Amino acid sequence: MRNIVVTIIIFLVMCFCLFFASQYIILTSDKLLDVANKMESNIVDENWDNAYILSFELLDIYEGHVKHMTIFINHANVDVIYSEVIKLTQYCKEEDKTESLATLHLIKTLLLEVKQLEKVSISNIFFIKYFPITNLFSTN
């Protein structure tokens, strides 16, 4: 009986810790997306000085949180986001609007993917993908 109680307590503590880890990743992704959105508006307005400063803010936030996030998320996403953020700093320095916006869009897409994968849901727990039946048989 004591083994069952200990096992249940360990399971509940593990679930509690995983929930907070998931929330940490979601909040960090939101913070990074907020800076990315500010950068995007500065790049569109061609305010390159602020965009360059925000690119280093994005890099600092990412480097500060990435060591905690790598425990829970796919390393491929971590590496791609990091390399794209580094590229973005140089694109902003050289005032390359097209490359800056393309790289920023990729960063935002990857952050949204990380955020979506960390939400607690049945599909994420059991790796279930939902495929709409209507799109499965369409001939478009």
N, C-alpha and C. Protein backbone atom coordinates (compact mmCIF):
# COMPACT_ATOMS: atom_id res chain seq x y z
N MET A 1 0.83 -1.20 0.00
CA MET A 1 0.00 0.00 0.00
C MET A 1 0.86 1.25 0.00
N ARG A 2 1.96 1.21 0.74
CA ARG A 2 2.83 2.38 0.82
C ARG A 2 3.48 2.66 -0.53
N ASN A 3 3.80 1.61 -1.29
CA ASN A 3 4.40 1.80 -2.60
C ASN A 3 3.45 2.50 -3.57
N ILE A 4 2.19 2.19 -3.47
CA ILE A 4 1.19 2.82 -4.34
C ILE A 4 1.06 4.31 -4.02
N VAL A 5 1.05 4.64 -2.76
CA VAL A 5 0.94 6.04 -2.34
C VAL A 5 2.17 6.82 -2.80
N VAL A 6 3.35 6.25 -2.62
CA VAL A 6 4.59 6.92 -3.04
C VAL A 6 4.59 7.10 -4.55
N THR A 7 4.16 6.10 -5.29
CA THR A 7 4.11 6.19 -6.75
C THR A 7 3.14 7.28 -7.19
N ILE A 8 1.99 7.36 -6.58
CA ILE A 8 1.00 8.38 -6.92
C ILE A 8 1.54 9.78 -6.59
N ILE A 9 2.20 9.94 -5.48
CA ILE A 9 2.78 11.23 -5.10
C ILE A 9 3.86 11.65 -6.10
N ILE A 10 4.72 10.72 -6.48
CA ILE A 10 5.77 11.02 -7.46
C ILE A 10 5.14 11.40 -8.80
N PHE A 11 4.11 10.70 -9.21
CA PHE A 11 3.42 11.01 -10.46
C PHE A 11 2.81 12.40 -10.42
N LEU A 12 2.16 12.74 -9.34
CA LEU A 12 1.53 14.06 -9.22
C LEU A 12 2.57 15.17 -9.20
N VAL A 13 3.68 14.97 -8.51
CA VAL A 13 4.76 15.96 -8.50
C VAL A 13 5.33 16.14 -9.90
N MET A 14 5.51 15.04 -10.62
CA MET A 14 6.03 15.10 -11.99
C MET A 14 5.06 15.86 -12.90
N CYS A 15 3.77 15.57 -12.79
CA CYS A 15 2.78 16.29 -13.60
C CYS A 15 2.77 17.78 -13.27
N PHE A 16 2.88 18.11 -12.00
CA PHE A 16 2.92 19.50 -11.55
C PHE A 16 4.13 20.22 -12.15
N CYS A 17 5.29 19.58 -12.09
CA CYS A 17 6.53 20.19 -12.64
C CYS A 17 6.43 20.35 -14.16
N LEU A 18 5.90 19.35 -14.84
CA LEU A 18 5.77 19.44 -16.29
C LEU A 18 4.79 20.54 -16.71
N PHE A 19 3.75 20.73 -15.93
CA PHE A 19 2.81 21.81 -16.23
C PHE A 19 3.49 23.16 -16.14
N PHE A 20 4.28 23.38 -15.09
CA PHE A 20 4.97 24.66 -14.96
C PHE A 20 6.07 24.83 -15.99
N ALA A 21 6.72 23.75 -16.38
CA ALA A 21 7.72 23.84 -17.44
C ALA A 21 7.06 24.23 -18.76
N SER A 22 5.91 23.65 -19.02
CA SER A 22 5.17 23.98 -20.23
C SER A 22 4.75 25.45 -20.22
N GLN A 23 4.28 25.93 -19.09
CA GLN A 23 3.89 27.34 -18.97
C GLN A 23 5.09 28.27 -19.15
N TYR A 24 6.25 27.85 -18.65
CA TYR A 24 7.47 28.64 -18.81
C TYR A 24 7.82 28.79 -20.29
N ILE A 25 7.73 27.71 -21.04
CA ILE A 25 8.05 27.76 -22.46
C ILE A 25 7.03 28.62 -23.21
N ILE A 26 5.78 28.50 -22.86
CA ILE A 26 4.74 29.31 -23.53
C ILE A 26 4.94 30.79 -23.23
N LEU A 27 5.23 31.13 -21.98
CA LEU A 27 5.46 32.55 -21.63
C LEU A 27 6.72 33.10 -22.30
N THR A 28 7.76 32.29 -22.37
CA THR A 28 8.99 32.72 -23.04
C THR A 28 8.73 32.93 -24.53
N SER A 29 7.98 32.02 -25.14
CA SER A 29 7.64 32.18 -26.56
C SER A 29 6.81 33.44 -26.78
N ASP A 30 5.89 33.72 -25.87
CA ASP A 30 5.10 34.95 -25.98
C ASP A 30 5.97 36.19 -25.89
N LYS A 31 6.94 36.16 -24.97
CA LYS A 31 7.85 37.30 -24.82
C LYS A 31 8.67 37.51 -26.10
N LEU A 32 9.16 36.41 -26.67
CA LEU A 32 9.94 36.50 -27.91
C LEU A 32 9.07 36.96 -29.08
N LEU A 33 7.84 36.48 -29.13
CA LEU A 33 6.93 36.91 -30.19
C LEU A 33 6.58 38.39 -30.08
N ASP A 34 6.47 38.88 -28.86
CA ASP A 34 6.18 40.30 -28.65
C ASP A 34 7.32 41.16 -29.19
N VAL A 35 8.55 40.79 -28.90
CA VAL A 35 9.71 41.54 -29.42
C VAL A 35 9.77 41.41 -30.94
N ALA A 36 9.47 40.23 -31.46
CA ALA A 36 9.49 40.02 -32.91
C ALA A 36 8.43 40.88 -33.60
N ASN A 37 7.27 41.02 -33.00
CA ASN A 37 6.23 41.87 -33.59
C ASN A 37 6.64 43.34 -33.58
N LYS A 38 7.29 43.78 -32.49
CA LYS A 38 7.80 45.16 -32.46
C LYS A 38 8.85 45.37 -33.54
N MET A 39 9.71 44.35 -33.71
CA MET A 39 10.75 44.44 -34.74
C MET A 39 10.12 44.54 -36.12
N GLU A 40 9.10 43.74 -36.35
CA GLU A 40 8.47 43.74 -37.66
C GLU A 40 7.89 45.11 -38.00
N SER A 41 7.26 45.75 -37.04
CA SER A 41 6.71 47.09 -37.32
C SER A 41 7.83 48.10 -37.57
N ASN A 42 8.95 47.96 -36.87
CA ASN A 42 10.09 48.86 -37.11
C ASN A 42 10.72 48.61 -38.47
N ILE A 43 10.79 47.36 -38.89
CA ILE A 43 11.38 47.05 -40.19
C ILE A 43 10.48 47.55 -41.31
N VAL A 44 9.19 47.35 -41.17
CA VAL A 44 8.25 47.82 -42.19
C VAL A 44 8.32 49.34 -42.31
N ASP A 45 8.45 50.03 -41.17
CA ASP A 45 8.57 51.49 -41.18
C ASP A 45 9.99 51.96 -41.50
N GLU A 46 10.89 51.01 -41.73
CA GLU A 46 12.30 51.26 -42.01
C GLU A 46 12.98 52.08 -40.92
N ASN A 47 12.63 51.79 -39.70
CA ASN A 47 13.29 52.38 -38.53
C ASN A 47 14.38 51.39 -38.10
N TRP A 48 15.51 51.44 -38.80
CA TRP A 48 16.54 50.41 -38.67
C TRP A 48 17.29 50.46 -37.36
N ASP A 49 17.43 51.63 -36.77
CA ASP A 49 18.14 51.71 -35.48
C ASP A 49 17.39 50.96 -34.38
N ASN A 50 16.09 51.20 -34.30
CA ASN A 50 15.29 50.48 -33.30
C ASN A 50 15.21 48.99 -33.62
N ALA A 51 15.12 48.65 -34.90
CA ALA A 51 15.06 47.24 -35.29
C ALA A 51 16.35 46.52 -34.91
N TYR A 52 17.48 47.19 -35.08
CA TYR A 52 18.78 46.60 -34.73
C TYR A 52 18.89 46.40 -33.22
N ILE A 53 18.42 47.38 -32.45
CA ILE A 53 18.44 47.26 -30.99
C ILE A 53 17.51 46.13 -30.55
N LEU A 54 16.33 46.04 -31.17
CA LEU A 54 15.38 44.97 -30.82
C LEU A 54 15.90 43.60 -31.23
N SER A 55 16.70 43.54 -32.29
CA SER A 55 17.26 42.24 -32.69
C SER A 55 18.22 41.72 -31.62
N PHE A 56 18.98 42.62 -31.01
CA PHE A 56 19.86 42.19 -29.92
C PHE A 56 19.08 41.89 -28.65
N GLU A 57 17.97 42.58 -28.44
CA GLU A 57 17.10 42.24 -27.31
C GLU A 57 16.51 40.85 -27.50
N LEU A 58 16.10 40.54 -28.73
CA LEU A 58 15.59 39.22 -29.04
C LEU A 58 16.66 38.15 -28.81
N LEU A 59 17.87 38.45 -29.24
CA LEU A 59 18.99 37.52 -29.04
C LEU A 59 19.29 37.32 -27.56
N ASP A 60 19.30 38.40 -26.79
CA ASP A 60 19.57 38.31 -25.35
C ASP A 60 18.51 37.49 -24.63
N ILE A 61 17.24 37.76 -24.94
CA ILE A 61 16.15 37.00 -24.31
C ILE A 61 16.27 35.53 -24.67
N TYR A 62 16.52 35.25 -25.94
CA TYR A 62 16.62 33.86 -26.39
C TYR A 62 17.79 33.14 -25.72
N GLU A 63 18.94 33.78 -25.71
CA GLU A 63 20.12 33.15 -25.08
C GLU A 63 19.91 32.95 -23.59
N GLY A 64 19.18 33.84 -22.94
CA GLY A 64 18.94 33.71 -21.52
C GLY A 64 17.99 32.57 -21.16
N HIS A 65 17.08 32.25 -22.07
CA HIS A 65 16.07 31.24 -21.77
C HIS A 65 16.30 29.90 -22.47
N VAL A 66 17.18 29.88 -23.47
CA VAL A 66 17.31 28.67 -24.28
C VAL A 66 17.85 27.49 -23.48
N LYS A 67 18.70 27.73 -22.51
CA LYS A 67 19.27 26.60 -21.76
C LYS A 67 18.21 25.88 -20.93
N HIS A 68 17.15 26.59 -20.54
CA HIS A 68 16.07 25.96 -19.79
C HIS A 68 15.06 25.31 -20.74
N MET A 69 14.94 25.85 -21.94
CA MET A 69 13.96 25.35 -22.88
C MET A 69 14.43 24.08 -23.58
N THR A 70 15.74 23.88 -23.72
CA THR A 70 16.24 22.74 -24.47
C THR A 70 15.93 21.41 -23.80
N ILE A 71 15.61 21.44 -22.55
CA ILE A 71 15.25 20.20 -21.85
C ILE A 71 13.93 19.66 -22.38
N PHE A 72 13.04 20.54 -22.82
CA PHE A 72 11.68 20.14 -23.13
C PHE A 72 11.30 20.23 -24.60
N ILE A 73 12.04 20.96 -25.42
CA ILE A 73 11.61 21.13 -26.81
C ILE A 73 12.62 20.52 -27.77
N ASN A 74 12.20 20.39 -29.00
CA ASN A 74 13.00 19.78 -30.06
C ASN A 74 14.25 20.62 -30.33
N HIS A 75 15.40 19.97 -30.32
CA HIS A 75 16.65 20.71 -30.52
C HIS A 75 16.79 21.27 -31.92
N ALA A 76 16.13 20.66 -32.89
CA ALA A 76 16.18 21.19 -34.25
C ALA A 76 15.56 22.59 -34.28
N ASN A 77 14.44 22.77 -33.60
CA ASN A 77 13.81 24.09 -33.55
C ASN A 77 14.70 25.09 -32.82
N VAL A 78 15.32 24.66 -31.74
CA VAL A 78 16.20 25.55 -30.97
C VAL A 78 17.36 26.04 -31.84
N ASP A 79 17.97 25.13 -32.57
CA ASP A 79 19.12 25.49 -33.41
C ASP A 79 18.73 26.41 -34.55
N VAL A 80 17.60 26.13 -35.19
CA VAL A 80 17.16 26.96 -36.32
C VAL A 80 16.79 28.35 -35.84
N ILE A 81 16.06 28.43 -34.73
CA ILE A 81 15.68 29.75 -34.20
C ILE A 81 16.93 30.55 -33.86
N TYR A 82 17.89 29.92 -33.21
CA TYR A 82 19.11 30.62 -32.80
C TYR A 82 19.88 31.15 -34.02
N SER A 83 20.04 30.31 -35.03
CA SER A 83 20.79 30.76 -36.21
C SER A 83 20.04 31.86 -36.95
N GLU A 84 18.72 31.78 -36.99
CA GLU A 84 17.94 32.82 -37.67
C GLU A 84 17.96 34.14 -36.90
N VAL A 85 17.97 34.09 -35.59
CA VAL A 85 18.07 35.32 -34.79
C VAL A 85 19.42 35.99 -35.02
N ILE A 86 20.48 35.18 -35.10
CA ILE A 86 21.81 35.75 -35.37
C ILE A 86 21.85 36.38 -36.77
N LYS A 87 21.26 35.70 -37.76
CA LYS A 87 21.19 36.28 -39.11
C LYS A 87 20.41 37.59 -39.10
N LEU A 88 19.33 37.60 -38.33
CA LEU A 88 18.46 38.78 -38.29
C LEU A 88 19.21 40.02 -37.81
N THR A 89 20.10 39.84 -36.84
CA THR A 89 20.87 41.00 -36.36
C THR A 89 21.70 41.61 -37.49
N GLN A 90 22.27 40.75 -38.32
CA GLN A 90 23.09 41.26 -39.42
C GLN A 90 22.25 41.85 -40.55
N TYR A 91 21.09 41.26 -40.81
CA TYR A 91 20.21 41.83 -41.82
C TYR A 91 19.73 43.22 -41.41
N CYS A 92 19.46 43.39 -40.11
CA CYS A 92 19.03 44.71 -39.63
C CYS A 92 20.19 45.70 -39.68
N LYS A 93 21.39 45.23 -39.41
CA LYS A 93 22.56 46.11 -39.46
C LYS A 93 22.78 46.60 -40.90
N GLU A 94 22.59 45.71 -41.87
CA GLU A 94 22.79 46.07 -43.27
C GLU A 94 21.55 46.68 -43.92
N GLU A 95 20.47 46.79 -43.14
CA GLU A 95 19.21 47.40 -43.58
C GLU A 95 18.63 46.70 -44.80
N ASP A 96 18.61 45.37 -44.76
CA ASP A 96 18.06 44.54 -45.82
C ASP A 96 16.62 44.17 -45.44
N LYS A 97 15.68 44.90 -45.99
CA LYS A 97 14.28 44.76 -45.59
C LYS A 97 13.71 43.40 -45.97
N THR A 98 13.98 42.93 -47.17
CA THR A 98 13.41 41.66 -47.64
C THR A 98 13.90 40.49 -46.80
N GLU A 99 15.20 40.39 -46.62
CA GLU A 99 15.75 39.28 -45.83
C GLU A 99 15.35 39.38 -44.37
N SER A 100 15.30 40.59 -43.84
CA SER A 100 14.90 40.77 -42.45
C SER A 100 13.48 40.30 -42.21
N LEU A 101 12.57 40.68 -43.08
CA LEU A 101 11.18 40.27 -42.92
C LEU A 101 11.00 38.77 -43.13
N ALA A 102 11.74 38.19 -44.08
CA ALA A 102 11.64 36.75 -44.32
C ALA A 102 12.17 35.97 -43.12
N THR A 103 13.30 36.40 -42.58
CA THR A 103 13.88 35.73 -41.42
C THR A 103 13.00 35.91 -40.20
N LEU A 104 12.46 37.08 -40.02
CA LEU A 104 11.57 37.34 -38.89
C LEU A 104 10.31 36.49 -38.98
N HIS A 105 9.80 36.32 -40.18
CA HIS A 105 8.61 35.47 -40.36
C HIS A 105 8.92 34.02 -39.99
N LEU A 106 10.10 33.53 -40.38
CA LEU A 106 10.49 32.17 -40.02
C LEU A 106 10.64 32.02 -38.51
N ILE A 107 11.24 33.00 -37.86
CA ILE A 107 11.39 32.96 -36.40
C ILE A 107 10.02 32.92 -35.73
N LYS A 108 9.11 33.77 -36.18
CA LYS A 108 7.78 33.82 -35.58
C LYS A 108 7.03 32.51 -35.81
N THR A 109 7.17 31.93 -36.99
CA THR A 109 6.51 30.66 -37.29
C THR A 109 7.05 29.54 -36.40
N LEU A 110 8.36 29.49 -36.22
CA LEU A 110 8.95 28.46 -35.37
C LEU A 110 8.56 28.65 -33.90
N LEU A 111 8.50 29.89 -33.45
CA LEU A 111 8.08 30.15 -32.07
C LEU A 111 6.62 29.76 -31.86
N LEU A 112 5.78 30.03 -32.84
CA LEU A 112 4.38 29.62 -32.74
C LEU A 112 4.26 28.09 -32.73
N GLU A 113 5.11 27.43 -33.50
CA GLU A 113 5.10 25.96 -33.50
C GLU A 113 5.53 25.41 -32.14
N VAL A 114 6.58 25.99 -31.57
CA VAL A 114 7.03 25.56 -30.24
C VAL A 114 5.92 25.79 -29.22
N LYS A 115 5.29 26.93 -29.31
CA LYS A 115 4.20 27.26 -28.38
C LYS A 115 3.04 26.28 -28.53
N GLN A 116 2.68 25.95 -29.77
CA GLN A 116 1.59 25.02 -30.01
C GLN A 116 1.92 23.62 -29.50
N LEU A 117 3.15 23.19 -29.68
CA LEU A 117 3.54 21.86 -29.23
C LEU A 117 3.61 21.75 -27.71
N GLU A 118 3.74 22.86 -27.02
CA GLU A 118 3.84 22.82 -25.56
C GLU A 118 2.51 22.98 -24.86
N LYS A 119 1.46 23.30 -25.60
CA LYS A 119 0.15 23.39 -24.97
C LYS A 119 -0.30 22.00 -24.53
N VAL A 120 -0.86 21.92 -23.35
CA VAL A 120 -1.33 20.64 -22.84
C VAL A 120 -2.66 20.32 -23.49
N SER A 121 -2.65 19.26 -24.30
CA SER A 121 -3.88 18.80 -24.96
C SER A 121 -3.76 17.29 -25.19
N ILE A 122 -4.86 16.69 -25.49
CA ILE A 122 -4.87 15.24 -25.73
C ILE A 122 -4.00 14.89 -26.93
N SER A 123 -4.08 15.70 -27.98
CA SER A 123 -3.29 15.40 -29.18
C SER A 123 -1.80 15.50 -28.93
N ASN A 124 -1.37 16.41 -28.07
CA ASN A 124 0.05 16.52 -27.76
C ASN A 124 0.52 15.43 -26.81
N ILE A 125 -0.35 14.96 -25.96
CA ILE A 125 0.03 13.91 -25.02
C ILE A 125 0.19 12.57 -25.74
N PHE A 126 -0.75 12.24 -26.62
CA PHE A 126 -0.74 10.95 -27.30
C PHE A 126 -0.25 11.04 -28.74
N PHE A 127 0.26 12.18 -29.16
CA PHE A 127 0.78 12.40 -30.51
C PHE A 127 -0.26 12.10 -31.58
N ILE A 128 -1.48 12.53 -31.35
CA ILE A 128 -2.57 12.32 -32.29
C ILE A 128 -2.65 13.54 -33.19
N LYS A 129 -2.67 13.29 -34.46
CA LYS A 129 -2.87 14.37 -35.44
C LYS A 129 -4.29 14.28 -35.95
N TYR A 130 -4.97 15.42 -35.98
CA TYR A 130 -6.33 15.47 -36.46
C TYR A 130 -6.33 15.82 -37.94
N PHE A 131 -6.89 14.95 -38.75
CA PHE A 131 -7.00 15.19 -40.17
C PHE A 131 -8.48 15.32 -40.52
N PRO A 132 -8.90 16.47 -40.99
CA PRO A 132 -10.30 16.61 -41.39
C PRO A 132 -10.62 15.66 -42.54
N ILE A 133 -11.71 14.96 -42.44
CA ILE A 133 -12.09 13.98 -43.45
C ILE A 133 -12.39 14.67 -44.78
N THR A 134 -12.93 15.87 -44.73
CA THR A 134 -13.28 16.57 -45.97
C THR A 134 -12.04 16.86 -46.81
N ASN A 135 -10.92 17.18 -46.18
CA ASN A 135 -9.70 17.47 -46.93
C ASN A 135 -9.00 16.19 -47.37
N LEU A 136 -9.30 15.09 -46.74
CA LEU A 136 -8.64 13.84 -47.06
C LEU A 136 -9.03 13.33 -48.45
N PHE A 137 -10.28 13.58 -48.84
CA PHE A 137 -10.78 13.05 -50.10
C PHE A 137 -11.02 14.12 -51.15
N SER A 138 -10.56 15.33 -50.92
CA SER A 138 -10.80 16.40 -51.89
C SER A 138 -9.88 16.23 -53.08
N THR A 139 -10.32 16.69 -54.24
CA THR A 139 -9.56 16.55 -55.48
C THR A 139 -9.02 17.89 -55.96
N ASN A 140 -8.81 18.83 -55.08
CA ASN A 140 -8.34 20.16 -55.47
C ASN A 140 -6.93 20.12 -55.92
